[in-house]
Amino acid sequence: MAKFISARITQQPNDKPALRLKMLYYNLYPEQRELFLTISNILRENKSTGKDSFNFLTKYLATLSGEDAYTMSEAKEEAVRAIIEFVKAPDMFQCLYIFFFVQCDLLEMPAVAQLEKDAKYALVYQLLKIFLTQRLDAYLDFQAANSTLLKRYGLVHEDCITKMRLMSLADLGTDESGEIPYASIKDTVCITDDEVELWIVKAITAKLLDCKMDQMNQTVIVRVTLQMSQAPSKQTSGLRKECRPCKAH
């Protein structure tokens, strides 16, 4: 057993020791991997346990880290399912979770990251990346070019816009100045002047922002904002001077 453990730990020398031990723990119990997936599938049938289903699904995917490419490739459909479930969930904004005492990120999980260069599923991975690392304008560009794909997976454009508006607002809150001008909110989430405060309240209600509105100076003072992902900072194409028409307000 000692030789087995030593071999498993040294197979991935570039990984952090804690990560290697974590993967070793779960690879010693392959039946636990299948248990996670089975539980997720059972919970999936009940809409009220959607988050629990997603959590067990991500645990299943996490156990594949450190496996060979063939083994991971067998879980591509489950990885796609995790992405779609996250995008669909109206109250799920974060893909950080604790797995065996280590904070993990769905975007960078090997079982999910393998989709980035997959001919069939690369666009699905790109969609997740947009939701976690970019803003509304990037989603609108993606939707314009891939509306058929969104429909294929049962994604409603208006619902995606709503979620991206909230996530874009949270990202604006990461600015080091701690202040967001109303004008920036209007341009970033493609809304009218009259809707700015409504969307700020929505972000507060969703616990994406802890802030207060300075109506006199037309500014939001941010105290805390939710971190969406451990991935690199959001890279955007710049705020659009004129927003394209949006169906959902």
Protein backbone atom coordinates (compact mmCIF):
# COMPACT_ATOMS: atom_id res chain seq x y z
CA MET A 1 0.00 0.00 0.00
CA ALA A 2 2.86 2.38 0.84
CA LYS A 3 4.40 1.83 -2.60
CA PHE A 4 1.02 2.41 -4.25
CA ILE A 5 0.49 5.69 -2.40
CA SER A 6 4.02 6.86 -3.21
CA ALA A 7 3.54 6.07 -6.89
CA ARG A 8 0.21 7.88 -7.07
CA ILE A 9 1.61 10.99 -5.39
CA THR A 10 4.64 11.23 -7.70
CA GLN A 11 2.65 10.71 -10.91
CA GLN A 12 1.72 14.40 -11.01
CA PRO A 13 4.84 16.22 -9.70
CA ASN A 14 3.59 19.64 -10.76
CA ASP A 15 0.44 19.41 -8.64
CA LYS A 16 0.35 20.73 -5.09
CA PRO A 17 0.80 17.97 -2.46
CA ALA A 18 -2.63 18.63 -0.97
CA LEU A 19 -4.24 18.27 -4.40
CA ARG A 20 -2.39 15.03 -5.11
CA LEU A 21 -3.40 13.57 -1.75
CA LYS A 22 -6.97 14.64 -2.34
CA MET A 23 -7.10 12.85 -5.67
CA LEU A 24 -5.38 9.82 -4.17
CA TYR A 25 -8.04 9.60 -1.47
CA TYR A 26 -10.84 9.42 -3.98
CA ASN A 27 -9.03 7.19 -6.45
CA LEU A 28 -8.60 4.63 -3.67
CA TYR A 29 -12.40 4.41 -3.54
CA PRO A 30 -13.67 4.35 -7.15
CA GLU A 31 -17.09 3.17 -5.99
CA GLN A 32 -17.48 6.52 -4.21
CA ARG A 33 -17.19 8.25 -7.58
CA GLU A 34 -20.09 6.28 -8.96
CA LEU A 35 -22.04 6.93 -5.78
CA PHE A 36 -21.69 10.69 -6.28
CA LEU A 37 -23.04 10.40 -9.83
CA THR A 38 -25.90 8.11 -8.79
CA ILE A 39 -26.98 10.49 -6.03
CA SER A 40 -26.78 13.43 -8.43
CA ASN A 41 -28.96 11.63 -10.97
CA ILE A 42 -31.57 10.78 -8.33
CA LEU A 43 -31.68 14.34 -7.00
CA ARG A 44 -31.90 15.68 -10.53
CA GLU A 45 -35.40 14.26 -10.87
CA ASN A 46 -36.61 16.59 -8.12
CA LYS A 47 -36.40 20.27 -9.08
CA SER A 48 -36.34 21.32 -5.42
CA THR A 49 -32.99 19.54 -4.97
CA GLY A 50 -31.31 20.99 -8.05
CA LYS A 51 -28.44 22.56 -6.12
CA ASP A 52 -27.77 19.32 -4.26
CA SER A 53 -27.73 17.46 -7.57
CA PHE A 54 -25.23 19.96 -8.95
CA ASN A 55 -23.02 19.66 -5.86
CA PHE A 56 -22.82 15.87 -6.12
CA LEU A 57 -22.20 16.14 -9.86
CA THR A 58 -19.22 18.44 -9.31
CA LYS A 59 -17.89 16.08 -6.63
CA TYR A 60 -18.11 13.27 -9.17
CA LEU A 61 -16.22 15.34 -11.75
CA ALA A 62 -13.58 16.34 -9.20
CA THR A 63 -12.72 12.69 -8.51
CA LEU A 64 -11.59 12.38 -12.13
CA SER A 65 -8.72 14.81 -11.63
CA GLY A 66 -5.44 12.97 -12.05
CA GLU A 67 -7.00 10.26 -14.22
CA ASP A 68 -5.84 9.51 -17.76
CA ALA A 69 -7.38 11.24 -20.76
CA TYR A 70 -9.48 8.22 -21.72
CA THR A 71 -11.10 7.93 -18.29
CA MET A 72 -11.86 11.65 -18.20
CA SER A 73 -13.25 11.59 -21.73
CA GLU A 74 -15.98 9.22 -20.56
CA ALA A 75 -17.33 12.02 -18.35
CA LYS A 76 -17.65 14.70 -21.05
CA GLU A 77 -21.44 14.56 -21.05
CA GLU A 78 -21.53 14.95 -17.27
CA ALA A 79 -19.17 17.93 -17.54
CA VAL A 80 -21.48 19.53 -20.11
CA ARG A 81 -24.44 18.84 -17.84
CA ALA A 82 -22.69 20.62 -14.95
CA ILE A 83 -22.07 23.68 -17.12
CA ILE A 84 -25.65 23.83 -18.39
CA GLU A 85 -27.07 23.36 -14.89
CA PHE A 86 -24.93 26.21 -13.61
CA VAL A 87 -25.92 28.55 -16.45
CA LYS A 88 -29.61 27.69 -16.05
CA ALA A 89 -29.73 28.14 -12.28
CA PRO A 90 -31.11 31.66 -11.59
CA ASP A 91 -29.68 31.77 -8.06
CA MET A 92 -26.30 30.12 -8.58
CA PHE A 93 -23.53 32.63 -9.28
CA GLN A 94 -20.40 31.02 -7.92
CA CYS A 95 -18.48 27.95 -9.07
CA LEU A 96 -16.10 27.81 -6.13
CA TYR A 97 -16.59 24.92 -3.76
CA ILE A 98 -14.70 22.95 -1.12
CA PHE A 99 -13.56 19.49 -2.14
CA PHE A 100 -11.59 17.47 0.44
CA PHE A 101 -10.58 20.65 2.27
CA VAL A 102 -9.31 22.32 -0.93
CA GLN A 103 -11.13 25.16 -2.72
CA CYS A 104 -11.80 24.15 -6.32
CA ASP A 105 -13.05 25.96 -9.40
CA LEU A 106 -15.39 24.32 -11.91
CA LEU A 107 -13.85 26.26 -14.80
CA GLU A 108 -10.39 24.82 -14.15
CA MET A 109 -11.43 21.31 -13.11
CA PRO A 110 -9.67 18.88 -15.53
CA ALA A 111 -12.87 16.98 -16.35
CA VAL A 112 -14.47 20.28 -17.39
CA ALA A 113 -11.39 21.98 -18.85
CA GLN A 114 -10.97 19.10 -21.32
CA LEU A 115 -14.01 20.47 -23.16
CA GLU A 116 -12.14 23.64 -24.13
CA LYS A 117 -10.45 21.89 -27.06
CA ASP A 118 -13.17 19.35 -27.76
CA ALA A 119 -14.65 19.66 -31.25
CA LYS A 120 -18.17 18.90 -30.04
CA TYR A 121 -18.29 20.73 -26.71
CA ALA A 122 -15.81 23.62 -26.98
CA LEU A 123 -18.61 26.18 -27.31
CA VAL A 124 -20.26 24.92 -24.12
CA TYR A 125 -17.00 25.47 -22.25
CA GLN A 126 -16.71 28.91 -23.83
CA LEU A 127 -20.18 29.73 -22.51
CA LEU A 128 -19.14 28.83 -18.95
CA LYS A 129 -16.01 30.93 -19.33
CA ILE A 130 -18.10 33.91 -20.42
CA PHE A 131 -20.41 33.58 -17.42
CA LEU A 132 -17.52 33.35 -14.96
CA THR A 133 -14.87 35.63 -16.42
CA GLN A 134 -16.58 38.15 -18.72
CA ARG A 135 -19.58 40.46 -18.87
CA LEU A 136 -22.90 40.88 -20.63
CA ASP A 137 -21.46 42.20 -23.89
CA ALA A 138 -19.44 38.98 -24.36
CA TYR A 139 -22.55 36.87 -23.78
CA LEU A 140 -24.56 38.90 -26.31
CA ASP A 141 -21.85 38.34 -28.93
CA PHE A 142 -21.84 34.61 -28.14
CA GLN A 143 -25.63 34.36 -28.32
CA ALA A 144 -25.77 36.17 -31.65
CA ALA A 145 -23.41 33.60 -33.14
CA ASN A 146 -24.68 30.50 -31.31
CA SER A 147 -28.42 30.88 -30.69
CA THR A 148 -29.06 27.35 -31.99
CA LEU A 149 -26.69 25.87 -29.42
CA LEU A 150 -28.44 27.67 -26.58
CA LYS A 151 -31.82 26.35 -27.71
CA ARG A 152 -30.42 22.83 -28.04
CA TYR A 153 -29.54 22.82 -24.35
CA GLY A 154 -32.78 24.43 -23.27
CA LEU A 155 -31.23 27.77 -22.32
CA VAL A 156 -33.58 30.75 -22.43
CA HIS A 157 -31.89 33.88 -23.79
CA GLU A 158 -33.82 36.28 -21.55
CA ASP A 159 -32.92 34.25 -18.45
CA CYS A 160 -29.26 34.25 -19.47
CA ILE A 161 -29.35 38.03 -19.90
CA THR A 162 -30.80 38.43 -16.41
CA LYS A 163 -28.10 36.27 -14.86
CA MET A 164 -25.32 37.93 -16.84
CA ARG A 165 -26.54 41.37 -15.77
CA LEU A 166 -26.30 40.37 -12.13
CA MET A 167 -22.89 38.74 -12.56
CA SER A 168 -21.62 41.74 -14.52
CA LEU A 169 -22.79 44.00 -11.71
CA ALA A 170 -20.89 41.89 -9.19
CA ASP A 171 -17.79 42.10 -11.36
CA LEU A 172 -18.08 45.89 -11.48
CA GLY A 173 -17.97 45.75 -7.69
CA THR A 174 -14.45 44.32 -7.77
CA ASP A 175 -13.03 47.65 -8.91
CA GLU A 176 -10.36 48.78 -6.46
CA SER A 177 -11.93 52.19 -6.01
CA GLY A 178 -14.96 50.61 -4.35
CA GLU A 179 -17.27 52.96 -6.23
CA ILE A 180 -19.43 52.29 -9.29
CA PRO A 181 -20.93 55.23 -11.20
CA TYR A 182 -24.54 54.73 -12.23
CA ALA A 183 -23.44 55.45 -15.80
CA SER A 184 -21.07 52.45 -15.75
CA ILE A 185 -23.85 50.19 -14.53
CA LYS A 186 -26.18 51.45 -17.24
CA ASP A 187 -23.62 50.84 -20.00
CA THR A 188 -22.33 47.51 -18.68
CA VAL A 189 -25.66 45.77 -18.14
CA CYS A 190 -27.51 47.48 -21.00
CA ILE A 191 -30.37 49.15 -19.16
CA THR A 192 -32.01 52.57 -18.94
CA ASP A 193 -31.30 55.24 -16.34
CA ASP A 194 -34.56 54.44 -14.56
CA GLU A 195 -33.60 50.78 -14.15
CA VAL A 196 -30.18 51.26 -12.54
CA GLU A 197 -31.32 51.27 -8.92
CA LEU A 198 -33.70 48.37 -9.55
CA TRP A 199 -30.80 46.20 -10.70
CA ILE A 200 -28.64 47.30 -7.80
CA VAL A 201 -31.38 46.12 -5.44
CA LYS A 202 -31.59 42.83 -7.34
CA ALA A 203 -27.83 42.31 -6.92
CA ILE A 204 -28.10 43.07 -3.20
CA THR A 205 -31.05 40.67 -2.83
CA ALA A 206 -29.04 37.96 -4.60
CA LYS A 207 -26.19 38.64 -2.13
CA LEU A 208 -23.83 39.50 -4.95
CA LEU A 209 -23.16 42.96 -3.57
CA ASP A 210 -23.04 44.53 -0.13
CA CYS A 211 -23.29 48.21 -0.95
CA LYS A 212 -25.18 51.45 -0.51
CA MET A 213 -26.51 53.86 -3.12
CA ASP A 214 -25.40 57.47 -3.15
CA GLN A 215 -28.30 58.89 -5.13
CA MET A 216 -27.04 62.46 -4.96
CA ASN A 217 -23.73 61.57 -6.61
CA GLN A 218 -25.22 58.77 -8.73
CA THR A 219 -22.72 56.29 -7.34
CA VAL A 220 -22.75 52.89 -5.63
CA ILE A 221 -20.38 52.47 -2.68
CA VAL A 222 -19.34 48.80 -2.56
CA ARG A 223 -18.35 47.13 0.69
CA VAL A 224 -18.24 43.49 -0.43
CA THR A 225 -18.73 41.70 -3.73
CA LEU A 226 -19.03 37.98 -4.40
CA GLN A 227 -16.04 36.35 -6.08
CA MET A 228 -17.30 34.33 -9.04
CA SER A 229 -14.25 32.30 -9.93
CA GLN A 230 -10.59 31.75 -9.18
CA ALA A 231 -9.90 32.17 -12.88
CA PRO A 232 -7.91 35.21 -14.09
CA SER A 233 -9.57 38.63 -13.92
CA LYS A 234 -12.34 39.28 -16.38
CA GLN A 235 -11.17 40.43 -19.78
CA THR A 236 -13.77 42.43 -21.65
CA SER A 237 -13.85 44.07 -25.02
CA GLY A 238 -14.54 47.38 -23.32
CA LEU A 239 -17.85 48.94 -22.45
CA ARG A 240 -20.04 49.61 -25.43
CA LYS A 241 -20.94 53.23 -26.03
CA GLU A 242 -24.28 52.07 -27.35
CA CYS A 243 -25.93 48.87 -26.14
CA ARG A 244 -27.70 46.68 -28.61
CA PRO A 245 -31.41 46.20 -27.93
CA CYS A 246 -32.03 43.67 -25.17
CA LYS A 247 -35.26 41.71 -24.93
CA ALA A 248 -35.15 41.25 -21.15
CA HIS A 249 -35.16 44.20 -18.77
